C-alpha atoms as a PDB file:
ATOM      1  CA  MET A   1      19.332  -8.909  11.055  1.00  0.00           C
ATOM      2  CA  THR A   2      16.453  -7.576  13.356  1.00  0.00           C
ATOM      3  CA  PRO A   3      15.072  -9.910  15.736  1.00  0.00           C
ATOM      4  CA  ALA A   4      11.102 -10.710  14.397  1.00  0.00           C
ATOM      5  CA  ASN A   5       8.602  -8.591  16.508  1.00  0.00           C
ATOM      6  CA  PRO A   6       5.473 -10.085  18.110  1.00  0.00           C
ATOM      7  CA  ALA A   7       3.515  -7.081  17.806  1.00  0.00           C
ATOM      8  CA  ARG A   8       3.967  -6.874  14.202  1.00  0.00           C
ATOM      9  CA  GLY A   9       2.647 -10.392  13.866  1.00  0.00           C
ATOM     10  CA  GLU A  10       6.172 -11.619  12.367  1.00  0.00           C
ATOM     11  CA  ALA A  11       8.057 -14.827  12.815  1.00  0.00           C
ATOM     12  CA  ALA A  12      11.256 -15.986  12.207  1.00  0.00           C
ATOM     13  CA  LEU A  13      12.651 -19.058  10.308  1.00  0.00           C
ATOM     14  CA  ARG A  14      15.986 -20.492  10.627  1.00  0.00           C
ATOM     15  CA  VAL A  15      17.498 -20.424   6.991  1.00  0.00           C
ATOM     16  CA  ALA A  16      21.469 -20.681   5.801  1.00  0.00           C
ATOM     17  CA  GLY A  17      22.498 -20.120   9.801  1.00  0.00           C
ATOM     18  CA  GLU A  18      20.355 -16.963  10.169  1.00  0.00           C
ATOM     19  CA  MET A  19      16.956 -15.941  11.445  1.00  0.00           C
ATOM     20  CA  LEU A  20      14.797 -14.744   8.556  1.00  0.00           C
ATOM     21  CA  VAL A  21      12.204 -12.539   9.204  1.00  0.00           C
ATOM     22  CA  LEU A  22       8.476 -13.097   8.260  1.00  0.00           C
ATOM     23  CA  ARG A  23       6.308 -10.008   8.331  1.00  0.00           C
ATOM     24  CA  PRO A  24       3.077 -10.050   7.085  1.00  0.00           C
ATOM     25  CA  THR A  25       2.407  -6.750   5.956  1.00  0.00           C
ATOM     26  CA  PHE A  26      -0.604  -6.000   3.706  1.00  0.00           C
ATOM     27  CA  ALA A  27       1.890  -5.787   0.127  1.00  0.00           C
ATOM     28  CA  ALA A  28       3.305  -9.383   0.961  1.00  0.00           C
ATOM     29  CA  LEU A  29      -0.213 -10.839   1.883  1.00  0.00           C
ATOM     30  CA  VAL A  30      -1.658  -9.093  -1.652  1.00  0.00           C
ATOM     31  CA  ALA A  31       1.157 -10.942  -3.450  1.00  0.00           C
ATOM     32  CA  ALA A  32       0.525 -14.275  -1.990  1.00  0.00           C
ATOM     33  CA  GLU A  33      -3.204 -14.200  -2.721  1.00  0.00           C
ATOM     34  CA  GLY A  34      -1.909 -13.227  -6.289  1.00  0.00           C
ATOM     35  CA  GLU A  35       0.160 -16.826  -6.514  1.00  0.00           C
ATOM     36  CA  LEU A  36      -1.966 -18.831  -4.227  1.00  0.00           C
ATOM     37  CA  GLY A  37      -5.077 -17.925  -4.557  1.00  0.00           C
ATOM     38  CA  PRO A  38      -7.905 -16.183  -1.425  1.00  0.00           C
ATOM     39  CA  LEU A  39      -6.293 -16.425   1.719  1.00  0.00           C
ATOM     40  CA  PHE A  40      -9.688 -17.533   3.682  1.00  0.00           C
ATOM     41  CA  ALA A  41      -9.242 -20.483   1.204  1.00  0.00           C
ATOM     42  CA  LEU A  42      -5.634 -20.811   1.878  1.00  0.00           C
ATOM     43  CA  VAL A  43      -6.113 -20.922   5.702  1.00  0.00           C
ATOM     44  CA  ALA A  44      -8.889 -23.291   5.179  1.00  0.00           C
ATOM     45  CA  ARG A  45      -6.486 -25.680   3.541  1.00  0.00           C
ATOM     46  CA  ALA A  46      -4.302 -25.489   6.313  1.00  0.00           C
ATOM     47  CA  ALA A  47      -6.603 -26.203   8.807  1.00  0.00           C
ATOM     48  CA  ASP A  48      -7.645 -29.094   7.116  1.00  0.00           C
ATOM     49  CA  GLY A  49      -4.047 -30.292   6.425  1.00  0.00           C
ATOM     50  CA  GLY A  50      -4.383 -29.768   3.005  1.00  0.00           C
ATOM     51  CA  LEU A  51      -2.024 -27.127   2.590  1.00  0.00           C
ATOM     52  CA  THR A  52       1.019 -28.125   0.449  1.00  0.00           C
ATOM     53  CA  LEU A  53       4.792 -27.266   0.775  1.00  0.00           C
ATOM     54  CA  SER A  54       5.018 -25.156  -1.992  1.00  0.00           C
ATOM     55  CA  GLU A  55       1.899 -23.164  -0.766  1.00  0.00           C
ATOM     56  CA  MET A  56       3.943 -22.616   2.872  1.00  0.00           C
ATOM     57  CA  VAL A  57       7.098 -21.631   1.283  1.00  0.00           C
ATOM     58  CA  ALA A  58       5.182 -19.249  -1.405  1.00  0.00           C
ATOM     59  CA  LEU A  59       3.476 -17.538   1.918  1.00  0.00           C
ATOM     60  CA  PHE A  60       6.625 -17.450   3.094  1.00  0.00           C
ATOM     61  CA  TRP A  61       8.701 -16.019   0.367  1.00  0.00           C
ATOM     62  CA  HIS A  62       6.459 -13.176   0.419  1.00  0.00           C
ATOM     63  CA  CYS A  63       6.454 -12.269   3.378  1.00  0.00           C
ATOM     64  CA  ARG A  64      10.038 -12.159   3.811  1.00  0.00           C
ATOM     65  CA  HIS A  65      11.551  -8.918   5.282  1.00  0.00           C
ATOM     66  CA  ALA A  66      15.031  -7.579   4.912  1.00  0.00           C
ATOM     67  CA  ALA A  67      16.180 -11.318   3.443  1.00  0.00           C
ATOM     68  CA  PRO A  68      19.695 -11.102   2.534  1.00  0.00           C
ATOM     69  CA  ASP A  69      19.820 -10.268  -1.501  1.00  0.00           C
ATOM     70  CA  ALA A  70      21.524 -13.911  -2.445  1.00  0.00           C
ATOM     71  CA  LEU A  71      18.616 -15.863  -0.765  1.00  0.00           C
ATOM     72  CA  THR A  72      16.513 -17.634  -3.622  1.00  0.00           C
ATOM     73  CA  ARG A  73      13.041 -19.118  -2.959  1.00  0.00           C
ATOM     74  CA  GLU A  74      14.673 -22.313  -3.831  1.00  0.00           C
ATOM     75  CA  ALA A  75      16.949 -22.236  -0.847  1.00  0.00           C
ATOM     76  CA  LEU A  76      14.074 -21.147   1.398  1.00  0.00           C
ATOM     77  CA  GLY A  77      12.283 -23.968   0.447  1.00  0.00           C
ATOM     78  CA  GLU A  78      15.290 -26.069   0.887  1.00  0.00           C
ATOM     79  CA  ALA A  79      15.441 -24.788   4.465  1.00  0.00           C
ATOM     80  CA  VAL A  80      11.839 -25.825   5.388  1.00  0.00           C
ATOM     81  CA  VAL A  81      13.008 -29.340   4.104  1.00  0.00           C
ATOM     82  CA  ALA A  82      15.551 -29.512   6.025  1.00  0.00           C
ATOM     83  CA  GLN A  83      14.170 -28.290   9.257  1.00  0.00           C
ATOM     84  CA  GLY A  84      11.190 -30.514   8.574  1.00  0.00           C
ATOM     85  CA  VAL A  85       7.155 -29.272   8.141  1.00  0.00           C
ATOM     86  CA  ALA A  86       7.083 -29.586  11.694  1.00  0.00           C
ATOM     87  CA  ALA A  87       9.489 -26.783  12.725  1.00  0.00           C
ATOM     88  CA  ALA A  88       8.068 -24.373  10.142  1.00  0.00           C
ATOM     89  CA  THR A  89       4.538 -24.881  11.161  1.00  0.00           C
ATOM     90  CA  PRO A  90       4.620 -22.398  14.267  1.00  0.00           C
ATOM     91  CA  VAL A  91       5.898 -19.860  11.956  1.00  0.00           C
ATOM     92  CA  LEU A  92       3.117 -20.859   9.349  1.00  0.00           C
ATOM     93  CA  ARG A  93       0.889 -20.771  12.705  1.00  0.00           C
ATOM     94  CA  VAL A  94       1.912 -17.193  13.189  1.00  0.00           C
ATOM     95  CA  LEU A  95       1.191 -15.696   9.523  1.00  0.00           C
ATOM     96  CA  LEU A  96      -1.955 -17.495   9.234  1.00  0.00           C
ATOM     97  CA  ARG A  97      -3.373 -15.819  12.539  1.00  0.00           C
ATOM     98  CA  GLN A  98      -2.355 -12.768  11.101  1.00  0.00           C
ATOM     99  CA  VAL A  99      -4.491 -13.083   7.830  1.00  0.00           C
ATOM    100  CA  LEU A 100      -7.309 -14.213  10.456  1.00  0.00           C
ATOM    101  CA  SER A 101      -7.277 -11.559  13.263  1.00  0.00           C
ATOM    102  CA  GLY A 102      -4.740  -8.829  11.772  1.00  0.00           C
ATOM    103  CA  ARG A 103      -2.808  -6.430  14.366  1.00  0.00           C
END
């Protein structure tokens, strides 16, 4: 698996012992918005501490890049829980920064 490229706004999260690259492409963000509602509202909820675990995992799920075929959304969620939300927060911050500022 290729490492995350910060120049693309990518972040990486360890899932099942491997690094999963999260790439906030236009298509990924549109898909996330379709499920979660407006991205600016998502950013506002995150800033206010009101982002739910399911919203975080949904954003990660839609931004996954070159993920193994066997990876399920449930496994991704379990990985976030196993590491703790604090460990996933820097990854979330990178993705939300891309929503606000772009590349």
